[in-house]
Amino acid sequence: MSKKGRKGLPGALEADRGQSSVAAKRAVAVEVGELAAREDARQGLRELDTMTEAMSGLTRAQRDRARIFPRESNAALGHPLKERQLASLDAIRVPVSGRQMKARSRTKHATLQSLPKAQLHALDRITSSPQSWKQINDQLSENTSDIDSMTEGDRAFVKRVDRAIQAYESNNDRGHVLYANVEMPAYINRSSLVPFAQSQFQPGDEVAFDRYTGASHQLHETSQLPDPAGRVACFELKTRRGIYLGKSEGADDTGHLLPRGMLWRVTGTTKVAYTDRTGRRGERVVIQMEDITPGEER
């Protein structure tokens, strides 16, 4: 985000700083100086990873163990059409096809069957235990995803989750457009959400996700989250990262776990229309972002 405060906010907004759940991130206002310091900390950690990658005499596995942020490990695109693009802001968001769900599900099952038990257990725990999600993600948020600040046990757990995600990425030849809810501060409501989001998320802004992120491949799926005050917007994310955890065709379950330590660039913010599988229509405030996470293997 911009280091300068913006209209409607006493300070600066950090999109991934508040205590989150798998269903939604929580954006909070922070001091402008604090936001700048956290951005500098992330940059310093990325420079350490660059130095690690440049070290001679290390194997790929040794470099990965020494890195702070997880390395992208995606397979090459299977076909140019598999690189999914963000929809235009005026387009209606529709459910993903059964064909896409089946393809992602096949890759998921092949990956899960190949994982060591420790990685499989870590992946299950981070996604199914609210307590583990909170404990791990709160630490990642506090330390800008610097795992060297964690206990040995938590650091080992995070590395197992990272490797499980990377295992899927190495089998994945597709791009993703994902949806992740974000709850705005408590003084925002239905009448102020659109102007607030457009003020705080402007084209060209960079947004950091220190935590793991729970997402979906369908906008209508994220809209099941209760939002009586009308302060929940949705990130629409273009990326190749993460692991598909949803079902095959015929179910509204397209869950996806994104890795920690990601960086995004905003491309637009507006209210968009969507339909679900029954044809029911709705509207959501969407913040479009593209993955710009630095990485030597990109």
C-alpha atoms as a PDB file:
ATOM      1  CA  MET A   1       0.000   0.000   0.000  1.00  0.00           C
ATOM      2  CA  SER A   2       0.981   3.640  -0.264  1.00  0.00           C
ATOM      3  CA  LYS A   3       3.126   4.941   2.574  1.00  0.00           C
ATOM      4  CA  LYS A   4       0.861   7.992   2.724  1.00  0.00           C
ATOM      5  CA  GLY A   5      -2.456   8.078   4.529  1.00  0.00           C
ATOM      6  CA  ARG A   6      -5.536   8.443   2.333  1.00  0.00           C
ATOM      7  CA  LYS A   7      -8.947   9.997   2.622  1.00  0.00           C
ATOM      8  CA  GLY A   8     -11.238   8.207   5.059  1.00  0.00           C
ATOM      9  CA  LEU A   9      -8.441   6.624   7.099  1.00  0.00           C
ATOM     10  CA  PRO A  10      -6.429   7.879  10.109  1.00  0.00           C
ATOM     11  CA  GLY A  11      -3.116   6.392   8.972  1.00  0.00           C
ATOM     12  CA  ALA A  12      -2.629   3.651   6.394  1.00  0.00           C
ATOM     13  CA  LEU A  13      -4.464   0.414   5.655  1.00  0.00           C
ATOM     14  CA  GLU A  14      -2.707  -2.947   5.830  1.00  0.00           C
ATOM     15  CA  ALA A  15      -4.853  -5.564   4.127  1.00  0.00           C
ATOM     16  CA  ASP A  16      -3.479  -8.668   5.868  1.00  0.00           C
ATOM     17  CA  ARG A  17      -2.598  -7.360   9.339  1.00  0.00           C
ATOM     18  CA  GLY A  18      -5.750  -8.164  11.313  1.00  0.00           C
ATOM     19  CA  GLN A  19      -6.467 -11.566  12.829  1.00  0.00           C
ATOM     20  CA  SER A  20      -7.919 -13.674  10.018  1.00  0.00           C
ATOM     21  CA  SER A  21      -9.764 -16.917   9.400  1.00  0.00           C
ATOM     22  CA  VAL A  22      -9.686 -19.281   6.430  1.00  0.00           C
ATOM     23  CA  ALA A  23     -12.865 -17.536   5.248  1.00  0.00           C
ATOM     24  CA  ALA A  24     -11.637 -13.926   5.361  1.00  0.00           C
ATOM     25  CA  LYS A  25      -8.696 -11.609   5.862  1.00  0.00           C
ATOM     26  CA  ARG A  26      -9.114  -8.545   8.049  1.00  0.00           C
ATOM     27  CA  ALA A  27      -7.702  -5.175   7.016  1.00  0.00           C
ATOM     28  CA  VAL A  28      -6.696  -2.784   9.793  1.00  0.00           C
ATOM     29  CA  ALA A  29      -5.469   0.784  10.037  1.00  0.00           C
ATOM     30  CA  VAL A  30      -1.837   1.199  11.108  1.00  0.00           C
ATOM     31  CA  GLU A  31       0.486   4.155  11.520  1.00  0.00           C
ATOM     32  CA  VAL A  32       2.084   5.253   8.262  1.00  0.00           C
ATOM     33  CA  GLY A  33       5.539   4.815   9.793  1.00  0.00           C
ATOM     34  CA  GLU A  34       4.728   1.273  10.899  1.00  0.00           C
ATOM     35  CA  LEU A  35       3.570   0.331   7.414  1.00  0.00           C
ATOM     36  CA  ALA A  36       6.764   1.738   5.885  1.00  0.00           C
ATOM     37  CA  ALA A  37       8.918  -0.157   8.400  1.00  0.00           C
ATOM     38  CA  ARG A  38       7.131  -3.418   7.611  1.00  0.00           C
ATOM     39  CA  GLU A  39       7.597  -2.882   3.877  1.00  0.00           C
ATOM     40  CA  ASP A  40      11.318  -2.300   4.475  1.00  0.00           C
ATOM     41  CA  ALA A  41      11.511  -5.469   6.584  1.00  0.00           C
ATOM     42  CA  ARG A  42       9.971  -7.549   3.792  1.00  0.00           C
ATOM     43  CA  GLN A  43      12.398  -6.098   1.275  1.00  0.00           C
ATOM     44  CA  GLY A  44      15.315  -6.966   3.539  1.00  0.00           C
ATOM     45  CA  LEU A  45      14.116 -10.553   3.855  1.00  0.00           C
ATOM     46  CA  ARG A  46      13.778 -10.864   0.080  1.00  0.00           C
ATOM     47  CA  GLU A  47      17.337  -9.597  -0.318  1.00  0.00           C
ATOM     48  CA  LEU A  48      18.502 -12.349   2.038  1.00  0.00           C
ATOM     49  CA  ASP A  49      16.715 -14.904  -0.150  1.00  0.00           C
ATOM     50  CA  THR A  50      18.425 -13.459  -3.223  1.00  0.00           C
ATOM     51  CA  MET A  51      21.785 -13.877  -1.485  1.00  0.00           C
ATOM     52  CA  THR A  52      20.882 -17.462  -0.590  1.00  0.00           C
ATOM     53  CA  GLU A  53      20.047 -18.243  -4.216  1.00  0.00           C
ATOM     54  CA  ALA A  54      23.408 -16.796  -5.316  1.00  0.00           C
ATOM     55  CA  MET A  55      25.463 -18.940  -2.925  1.00  0.00           C
ATOM     56  CA  SER A  56      27.601 -21.534  -4.677  1.00  0.00           C
ATOM     57  CA  GLY A  57      27.926 -25.126  -3.560  1.00  0.00           C
ATOM     58  CA  LEU A  58      24.347 -25.519  -2.298  1.00  0.00           C
ATOM     59  CA  THR A  59      21.822 -28.000  -3.618  1.00  0.00           C
ATOM     60  CA  ARG A  60      18.272 -26.917  -4.481  1.00  0.00           C
ATOM     61  CA  ALA A  61      17.026 -28.546  -1.282  1.00  0.00           C
ATOM     62  CA  GLN A  62      19.634 -26.731   0.821  1.00  0.00           C
ATOM     63  CA  ARG A  63      18.692 -23.380  -0.697  1.00  0.00           C
ATOM     64  CA  ASP A  64      15.014 -24.030  -0.028  1.00  0.00           C
ATOM     65  CA  ARG A  65      15.741 -24.887   3.605  1.00  0.00           C
ATOM     66  CA  ALA A  66      17.728 -21.670   4.034  1.00  0.00           C
ATOM     67  CA  ARG A  67      15.200 -19.342   2.391  1.00  0.00           C
ATOM     68  CA  ILE A  68      12.852 -17.094   4.374  1.00  0.00           C
ATOM     69  CA  PHE A  69      10.038 -17.029   1.791  1.00  0.00           C
ATOM     70  CA  PRO A  70       8.889 -20.145  -0.089  1.00  0.00           C
ATOM     71  CA  ARG A  71      10.079 -20.388  -3.681  1.00  0.00           C
ATOM     72  CA  GLU A  72       7.590 -20.630  -6.523  1.00  0.00           C
ATOM     73  CA  SER A  73       7.916 -24.089  -8.077  1.00  0.00           C
ATOM     74  CA  ASN A  74       5.242 -24.221 -10.790  1.00  0.00           C
ATOM     75  CA  ALA A  75       5.570 -26.471 -13.804  1.00  0.00           C
ATOM     76  CA  ALA A  76       5.550 -24.778 -17.200  1.00  0.00           C
ATOM     77  CA  LEU A  77       2.155 -23.801 -18.574  1.00  0.00           C
ATOM     78  CA  GLY A  78       0.582 -26.703 -20.445  1.00  0.00           C
ATOM     79  CA  HIS A  79      -0.899 -24.318 -23.032  1.00  0.00           C
ATOM     80  CA  PRO A  80      -1.178 -20.511 -23.336  1.00  0.00           C
ATOM     81  CA  LEU A  81      -4.952 -20.804 -22.780  1.00  0.00           C
ATOM     82  CA  LYS A  82      -4.301 -22.303 -19.343  1.00  0.00           C
ATOM     83  CA  GLU A  83      -2.998 -18.912 -18.172  1.00  0.00           C
ATOM     84  CA  ARG A  84      -6.224 -17.503 -16.757  1.00  0.00           C
ATOM     85  CA  GLN A  85      -6.802 -13.755 -17.019  1.00  0.00           C
ATOM     86  CA  LEU A  86      -8.674 -11.374 -14.751  1.00  0.00           C
ATOM     87  CA  ALA A  87     -12.146 -10.604 -16.056  1.00  0.00           C
ATOM     88  CA  SER A  88     -13.035  -7.081 -17.145  1.00  0.00           C
ATOM     89  CA  LEU A  89     -14.534  -5.036 -14.337  1.00  0.00           C
ATOM     90  CA  ASP A  90     -17.960  -5.002 -16.018  1.00  0.00           C
ATOM     91  CA  ALA A  91     -18.066  -8.766 -16.700  1.00  0.00           C
ATOM     92  CA  ILE A  92     -20.408 -11.094 -14.787  1.00  0.00           C
ATOM     93  CA  ARG A  93     -18.461 -13.621 -12.701  1.00  0.00           C
ATOM     94  CA  VAL A  94     -19.736 -17.148 -13.351  1.00  0.00           C
ATOM     95  CA  PRO A  95     -18.994 -20.563 -11.782  1.00  0.00           C
ATOM     96  CA  VAL A  96     -15.946 -22.468 -12.990  1.00  0.00           C
ATOM     97  CA  SER A  97     -16.546 -25.381 -15.338  1.00  0.00           C
ATOM     98  CA  GLY A  98     -16.670 -28.981 -14.215  1.00  0.00           C
ATOM     99  CA  ARG A  99     -13.773 -29.675 -16.577  1.00  0.00           C
ATOM    100  CA  GLN A 100     -11.537 -27.219 -14.734  1.00  0.00           C
ATOM    101  CA  MET A 101     -12.572 -28.596 -11.353  1.00  0.00           C
ATOM    102  CA  LYS A 102     -11.813 -32.164 -12.471  1.00  0.00           C
ATOM    103  CA  ALA A 103      -8.389 -31.196 -13.833  1.00  0.00           C
ATOM    104  CA  ARG A 104      -7.398 -29.412 -10.631  1.00  0.00           C
ATOM    105  CA  SER A 105      -8.794 -32.226  -8.511  1.00  0.00           C
ATOM    106  CA  ARG A 106      -6.710 -34.806 -10.384  1.00  0.00           C
ATOM    107  CA  THR A 107      -3.573 -32.783  -9.724  1.00  0.00           C
ATOM    108  CA  LYS A 108      -4.555 -32.410  -6.079  1.00  0.00           C
ATOM    109  CA  HIS A 109      -5.078 -36.137  -5.558  1.00  0.00           C
ATOM    110  CA  ALA A 110      -1.810 -37.022  -7.293  1.00  0.00           C
ATOM    111  CA  THR A 111       0.012 -34.512  -5.105  1.00  0.00           C
ATOM    112  CA  LEU A 112      -1.564 -35.576  -1.814  1.00  0.00           C
ATOM    113  CA  GLN A 113      -0.784 -39.225  -2.518  1.00  0.00           C
ATOM    114  CA  SER A 114       2.895 -38.340  -2.977  1.00  0.00           C
ATOM    115  CA  LEU A 115       3.309 -36.237   0.180  1.00  0.00           C
ATOM    116  CA  PRO A 116       5.189 -37.530   3.230  1.00  0.00           C
ATOM    117  CA  LYS A 117       2.899 -38.038   6.216  1.00  0.00           C
ATOM    118  CA  ALA A 118       4.388 -35.062   8.081  1.00  0.00           C
ATOM    119  CA  GLN A 119       3.576 -32.669   5.223  1.00  0.00           C
ATOM    120  CA  LEU A 120       0.113 -34.140   4.752  1.00  0.00           C
ATOM    121  CA  HIS A 121      -0.608 -33.713   8.460  1.00  0.00           C
ATOM    122  CA  ALA A 122       0.667 -30.118   8.455  1.00  0.00           C
ATOM    123  CA  LEU A 123      -1.483 -29.214   5.448  1.00  0.00           C
ATOM    124  CA  ASP A 124      -4.563 -30.750   7.051  1.00  0.00           C
ATOM    125  CA  ARG A 125      -3.900 -29.017  10.363  1.00  0.00           C
ATOM    126  CA  ILE A 126      -3.391 -25.518   8.959  1.00  0.00           C
ATOM    127  CA  THR A 127      -6.615 -25.725   6.917  1.00  0.00           C
ATOM    128  CA  SER A 128      -8.893 -27.552   9.364  1.00  0.00           C
ATOM    129  CA  SER A 129      -7.846 -26.239  12.784  1.00  0.00           C
ATOM    130  CA  PRO A 130      -8.876 -22.616  13.500  1.00  0.00           C
ATOM    131  CA  GLN A 131      -6.456 -22.616  16.440  1.00  0.00           C
ATOM    132  CA  SER A 132      -3.492 -23.622  14.263  1.00  0.00           C
ATOM    133  CA  TRP A 133      -4.521 -21.148  11.566  1.00  0.00           C
ATOM    134  CA  LYS A 134      -4.575 -18.349  14.132  1.00  0.00           C
ATOM    135  CA  GLN A 135      -1.374 -19.344  15.938  1.00  0.00           C
ATOM    136  CA  ILE A 136       0.746 -19.699  12.817  1.00  0.00           C
ATOM    137  CA  ASN A 137      -0.703 -16.840  10.790  1.00  0.00           C
ATOM    138  CA  ASP A 138      -0.592 -14.364  13.666  1.00  0.00           C
ATOM    139  CA  GLN A 139       3.130 -15.037  14.016  1.00  0.00           C
ATOM    140  CA  LEU A 140       3.683 -14.685  10.278  1.00  0.00           C
ATOM    141  CA  SER A 141       1.822 -11.377  10.318  1.00  0.00           C
ATOM    142  CA  GLU A 142       3.708 -10.047  13.331  1.00  0.00           C
ATOM    143  CA  ASN A 143       7.093 -10.865  11.780  1.00  0.00           C
ATOM    144  CA  THR A 144       6.332 -10.098   8.098  1.00  0.00           C
ATOM    145  CA  SER A 145       6.592 -13.849   7.391  1.00  0.00           C
ATOM    146  CA  ASP A 146      10.102 -14.114   8.843  1.00  0.00           C
ATOM    147  CA  ILE A 147      10.103 -17.720  10.035  1.00  0.00           C
ATOM    148  CA  ASP A 148      13.486 -17.315  11.738  1.00  0.00           C
ATOM    149  CA  SER A 149      11.575 -15.434  14.450  1.00  0.00           C
ATOM    150  CA  MET A 150       9.501 -18.561  15.221  1.00  0.00           C
ATOM    151  CA  THR A 151      10.191 -21.446  17.573  1.00  0.00           C
ATOM    152  CA  GLU A 152      11.923 -24.448  16.045  1.00  0.00           C
ATOM    153  CA  GLY A 153       8.697 -26.463  16.114  1.00  0.00           C
ATOM    154  CA  ASP A 154       6.568 -23.787  14.450  1.00  0.00           C
ATOM    155  CA  ARG A 155       9.276 -23.112  11.874  1.00  0.00           C
ATOM    156  CA  ALA A 156       9.405 -26.805  10.965  1.00  0.00           C
ATOM    157  CA  PHE A 157       5.603 -26.868  10.701  1.00  0.00           C
ATOM    158  CA  VAL A 158       5.570 -23.861   8.354  1.00  0.00           C
ATOM    159  CA  LYS A 159       8.265 -25.427   6.173  1.00  0.00           C
ATOM    160  CA  ARG A 160       6.150 -28.586   5.863  1.00  0.00           C
ATOM    161  CA  VAL A 161       3.136 -26.555   4.734  1.00  0.00           C
ATOM    162  CA  ASP A 162       5.369 -24.669   2.293  1.00  0.00           C
ATOM    163  CA  ARG A 163       6.688 -27.916   0.802  1.00  0.00           C
ATOM    164  CA  ALA A 164       3.192 -29.365   0.463  1.00  0.00           C
ATOM    165  CA  ILE A 165       2.101 -26.291  -1.506  1.00  0.00           C
ATOM    166  CA  GLN A 166       5.251 -26.458  -3.641  1.00  0.00           C
ATOM    167  CA  ALA A 167       4.566 -30.119  -4.410  1.00  0.00           C
ATOM    168  CA  TYR A 168       1.223 -29.172  -5.960  1.00  0.00           C
ATOM    169  CA  GLU A 169       2.793 -26.253  -7.824  1.00  0.00           C
ATOM    170  CA  SER A 170       5.408 -28.558  -9.366  1.00  0.00           C
ATOM    171  CA  ASN A 171       2.564 -30.677 -10.807  1.00  0.00           C
ATOM    172  CA  ASN A 172       0.434 -27.720 -11.886  1.00  0.00           C
ATOM    173  CA  ASP A 173       0.408 -26.431 -15.466  1.00  0.00           C
ATOM    174  CA  ARG A 174      -2.519 -23.999 -15.019  1.00  0.00           C
ATOM    175  CA  GLY A 175      -3.051 -20.422 -13.937  1.00  0.00           C
ATOM    176  CA  HIS A 176      -5.668 -19.408 -11.382  1.00  0.00           C
ATOM    177  CA  VAL A 177      -8.119 -16.590 -10.773  1.00  0.00           C
ATOM    178  CA  LEU A 178      -8.998 -16.771  -7.089  1.00  0.00           C
ATOM    179  CA  TYR A 179     -11.292 -14.977  -4.663  1.00  0.00           C
ATOM    180  CA  ALA A 180     -10.447 -14.150  -1.049  1.00  0.00           C
ATOM    181  CA  ASN A 181     -12.655 -12.152   1.312  1.00  0.00           C
ATOM    182  CA  VAL A 182     -11.288  -9.156   3.198  1.00  0.00           C
ATOM    183  CA  GLU A 183     -13.154  -7.455   6.030  1.00  0.00           C
ATOM    184  CA  MET A 184     -12.650  -3.689   6.257  1.00  0.00           C
ATOM    185  CA  PRO A 185     -12.389  -1.750   9.559  1.00  0.00           C
ATOM    186  CA  ALA A 186     -15.434  -1.601  11.838  1.00  0.00           C
ATOM    187  CA  TYR A 187     -16.405   1.962  10.880  1.00  0.00           C
ATOM    188  CA  ILE A 188     -17.006   0.874   7.258  1.00  0.00           C
ATOM    189  CA  ASN A 189     -20.485  -0.279   6.235  1.00  0.00           C
ATOM    190  CA  ARG A 190     -22.517  -1.050   3.147  1.00  0.00           C
ATOM    191  CA  SER A 191     -22.890   2.608   2.142  1.00  0.00           C
ATOM    192  CA  SER A 192     -19.189   3.438   2.461  1.00  0.00           C
ATOM    193  CA  LEU A 193     -17.544   0.206   1.291  1.00  0.00           C
ATOM    194  CA  VAL A 194     -17.185   1.064  -2.406  1.00  0.00           C
ATOM    195  CA  PRO A 195     -15.639   4.545  -2.006  1.00  0.00           C
ATOM    196  CA  PHE A 196     -13.431   3.331   0.853  1.00  0.00           C
ATOM    197  CA  ALA A 197     -12.111   0.357  -1.131  1.00  0.00           C
ATOM    198  CA  GLN A 198     -11.515   2.509  -4.214  1.00  0.00           C
ATOM    199  CA  SER A 199      -9.611   5.037  -2.107  1.00  0.00           C
ATOM    200  CA  GLN A 200      -7.457   2.481  -0.298  1.00  0.00           C
ATOM    201  CA  PHE A 201      -6.795   0.098  -3.212  1.00  0.00           C
ATOM    202  CA  GLN A 202      -5.829   2.172  -6.238  1.00  0.00           C
ATOM    203  CA  PRO A 203      -4.336   0.833  -9.499  1.00  0.00           C
ATOM    204  CA  GLY A 204      -0.599   0.363  -9.067  1.00  0.00           C
ATOM    205  CA  ASP A 205      -0.725  -0.058  -5.282  1.00  0.00           C
ATOM    206  CA  GLU A 206       1.254  -3.004  -3.923  1.00  0.00           C
ATOM    207  CA  VAL A 207      -0.331  -5.235  -1.271  1.00  0.00           C
ATOM    208  CA  ALA A 208       1.568  -7.777   0.852  1.00  0.00           C
ATOM    209  CA  PHE A 209       0.099 -11.021   2.206  1.00  0.00           C
ATOM    210  CA  ASP A 210       2.311 -12.212   5.069  1.00  0.00           C
ATOM    211  CA  ARG A 211      -0.126 -14.962   6.071  1.00  0.00           C
ATOM    212  CA  TYR A 212      -1.354 -18.050   4.309  1.00  0.00           C
ATOM    213  CA  THR A 213      -4.547 -17.204   2.420  1.00  0.00           C
ATOM    214  CA  GLY A 214      -7.733 -19.217   2.085  1.00  0.00           C
ATOM    215  CA  ALA A 215      -9.349 -18.617  -1.302  1.00  0.00           C
ATOM    216  CA  SER A 216     -11.879 -20.010  -3.781  1.00  0.00           C
ATOM    217  CA  HIS A 217     -12.096 -20.246  -7.559  1.00  0.00           C
ATOM    218  CA  GLN A 218     -15.677 -18.879  -7.530  1.00  0.00           C
ATOM    219  CA  LEU A 219     -16.895 -15.470  -6.410  1.00  0.00           C
ATOM    220  CA  HIS A 220     -20.319 -16.755  -5.399  1.00  0.00           C
ATOM    221  CA  GLU A 221     -18.660 -19.282  -3.082  1.00  0.00           C
ATOM    222  CA  THR A 222     -16.944 -16.547  -1.054  1.00  0.00           C
ATOM    223  CA  SER A 223     -20.271 -14.696  -0.823  1.00  0.00           C
ATOM    224  CA  GLN A 224     -21.625 -17.283   1.615  1.00  0.00           C
ATOM    225  CA  LEU A 225     -19.745 -15.517   4.430  1.00  0.00           C
ATOM    226  CA  PRO A 226     -22.200 -13.659   6.717  1.00  0.00           C
ATOM    227  CA  ASP A 227     -21.738  -9.900   6.341  1.00  0.00           C
ATOM    228  CA  PRO A 228     -24.622  -8.069   8.050  1.00  0.00           C
ATOM    229  CA  ALA A 229     -22.757  -4.738   8.132  1.00  0.00           C
ATOM    230  CA  GLY A 230     -21.716  -4.886   4.481  1.00  0.00           C
ATOM    231  CA  ARG A 231     -18.007  -4.275   5.115  1.00  0.00           C
ATOM    232  CA  VAL A 232     -16.543  -7.373   3.422  1.00  0.00           C
ATOM    233  CA  ALA A 233     -14.973  -6.915  -0.019  1.00  0.00           C
ATOM    234  CA  CYS A 234     -13.286  -9.604  -2.090  1.00  0.00           C
ATOM    235  CA  PHE A 235      -9.820  -9.800  -3.607  1.00  0.00           C
ATOM    236  CA  GLU A 236      -9.830 -11.160  -7.167  1.00  0.00           C
ATOM    237  CA  LEU A 237      -6.360 -12.621  -7.603  1.00  0.00           C
ATOM    238  CA  LYS A 238      -4.443 -13.663 -10.706  1.00  0.00           C
ATOM    239  CA  THR A 239      -1.652 -16.095  -9.845  1.00  0.00           C
ATOM    240  CA  ARG A 240      -0.130 -19.497 -10.523  1.00  0.00           C
ATOM    241  CA  ARG A 241       0.631 -20.124  -6.863  1.00  0.00           C
ATOM    242  CA  GLY A 242      -0.907 -22.340  -4.221  1.00  0.00           C
ATOM    243  CA  ILE A 243      -2.655 -25.690  -3.905  1.00  0.00           C
ATOM    244  CA  TYR A 244      -6.191 -26.616  -4.948  1.00  0.00           C
ATOM    245  CA  LEU A 245      -8.069 -28.251  -2.064  1.00  0.00           C
ATOM    246  CA  GLY A 246     -11.577 -28.325  -3.520  1.00  0.00           C
ATOM    247  CA  LYS A 247     -13.714 -31.079  -4.972  1.00  0.00           C
ATOM    248  CA  SER A 248     -14.208 -32.386  -8.478  1.00  0.00           C
ATOM    249  CA  GLU A 249     -17.218 -31.349 -10.565  1.00  0.00           C
ATOM    250  CA  GLY A 250     -20.716 -31.095  -9.127  1.00  0.00           C
ATOM    251  CA  ALA A 251     -19.948 -29.385  -5.813  1.00  0.00           C
ATOM    252  CA  ASP A 252     -19.580 -25.782  -4.682  1.00  0.00           C
ATOM    253  CA  ASP A 253     -16.198 -26.451  -3.115  1.00  0.00           C
ATOM    254  CA  THR A 254     -13.254 -24.935  -4.954  1.00  0.00           C
ATOM    255  CA  GLY A 255     -11.038 -24.140  -1.982  1.00  0.00           C
ATOM    256  CA  HIS A 256      -7.438 -23.087  -2.590  1.00  0.00           C
ATOM    257  CA  LEU A 257      -4.572 -22.352  -0.186  1.00  0.00           C
ATOM    258  CA  LEU A 258      -2.107 -19.647  -1.189  1.00  0.00           C
ATOM    259  CA  PRO A 259       1.428 -19.557   0.226  1.00  0.00           C
ATOM    260  CA  ARG A 260       2.640 -16.988   2.716  1.00  0.00           C
ATOM    261  CA  GLY A 261       4.829 -14.039   1.794  1.00  0.00           C
ATOM    262  CA  MET A 262       3.101 -12.986  -1.423  1.00  0.00           C
ATOM    263  CA  LEU A 263       3.085  -9.573  -3.100  1.00  0.00           C
ATOM    264  CA  TRP A 264       0.318  -8.207  -5.338  1.00  0.00           C
ATOM    265  CA  ARG A 265      -0.357  -5.178  -7.548  1.00  0.00           C
ATOM    266  CA  VAL A 266      -3.845  -3.650  -7.673  1.00  0.00           C
ATOM    267  CA  THR A 267      -5.334  -3.285 -11.156  1.00  0.00           C
ATOM    268  CA  GLY A 268      -8.848  -2.072 -10.317  1.00  0.00           C
ATOM    269  CA  THR A 269     -11.602  -1.831  -7.698  1.00  0.00           C
ATOM    270  CA  THR A 270     -15.359  -1.775  -8.313  1.00  0.00           C
ATOM    271  CA  LYS A 271     -18.681  -3.514  -7.656  1.00  0.00           C
ATOM    272  CA  VAL A 272     -19.253  -6.512  -9.939  1.00  0.00           C
ATOM    273  CA  ALA A 273     -22.100  -8.941 -10.628  1.00  0.00           C
ATOM    274  CA  TYR A 274     -21.928 -12.700 -10.233  1.00  0.00           C
ATOM    275  CA  THR A 275     -24.142 -15.759 -10.715  1.00  0.00           C
ATOM    276  CA  ASP A 276     -24.118 -19.070  -8.854  1.00  0.00           C
ATOM    277  CA  ARG A 277     -24.876 -22.534 -10.240  1.00  0.00           C
ATOM    278  CA  THR A 278     -28.631 -22.051  -9.791  1.00  0.00           C
ATOM    279  CA  GLY A 279     -28.621 -18.813 -11.788  1.00  0.00           C
ATOM    280  CA  ARG A 280     -29.086 -16.622  -8.731  1.00  0.00           C
ATOM    281  CA  ARG A 281     -27.394 -13.242  -9.134  1.00  0.00           C
ATOM    282  CA  GLY A 282     -25.606 -11.053  -6.660  1.00  0.00           C
ATOM    283  CA  GLU A 283     -23.072  -8.236  -6.382  1.00  0.00           C
ATOM    284  CA  ARG A 284     -19.745  -7.895  -4.590  1.00  0.00           C
ATOM    285  CA  VAL A 285     -17.109  -5.218  -4.207  1.00  0.00           C
ATOM    286  CA  VAL A 286     -14.021  -6.672  -5.896  1.00  0.00           C
ATOM    287  CA  ILE A 287     -10.379  -5.578  -5.687  1.00  0.00           C
ATOM    288  CA  GLN A 288      -8.463  -6.993  -8.645  1.00  0.00           C
ATOM    289  CA  MET A 289      -4.794  -7.821  -8.081  1.00  0.00           C
ATOM    290  CA  GLU A 290      -2.006  -9.545 -10.013  1.00  0.00           C
ATOM    291  CA  ASP A 291       0.734 -11.630  -8.424  1.00  0.00           C
ATOM    292  CA  ILE A 292       4.081  -9.800  -8.519  1.00  0.00           C
ATOM    293  CA  THR A 293       5.831 -11.863  -5.838  1.00  0.00           C
ATOM    294  CA  PRO A 294       9.582 -11.730  -6.583  1.00  0.00           C
ATOM    295  CA  GLY A 295      11.227 -15.057  -7.284  1.00  0.00           C
ATOM    296  CA  GLU A 296      14.308 -16.356  -8.999  1.00  0.00           C
ATOM    297  CA  GLU A 297      12.335 -19.157 -10.654  1.00  0.00           C
ATOM    298  CA  ARG A 298       9.504 -17.036 -12.089  1.00  0.00           C
END
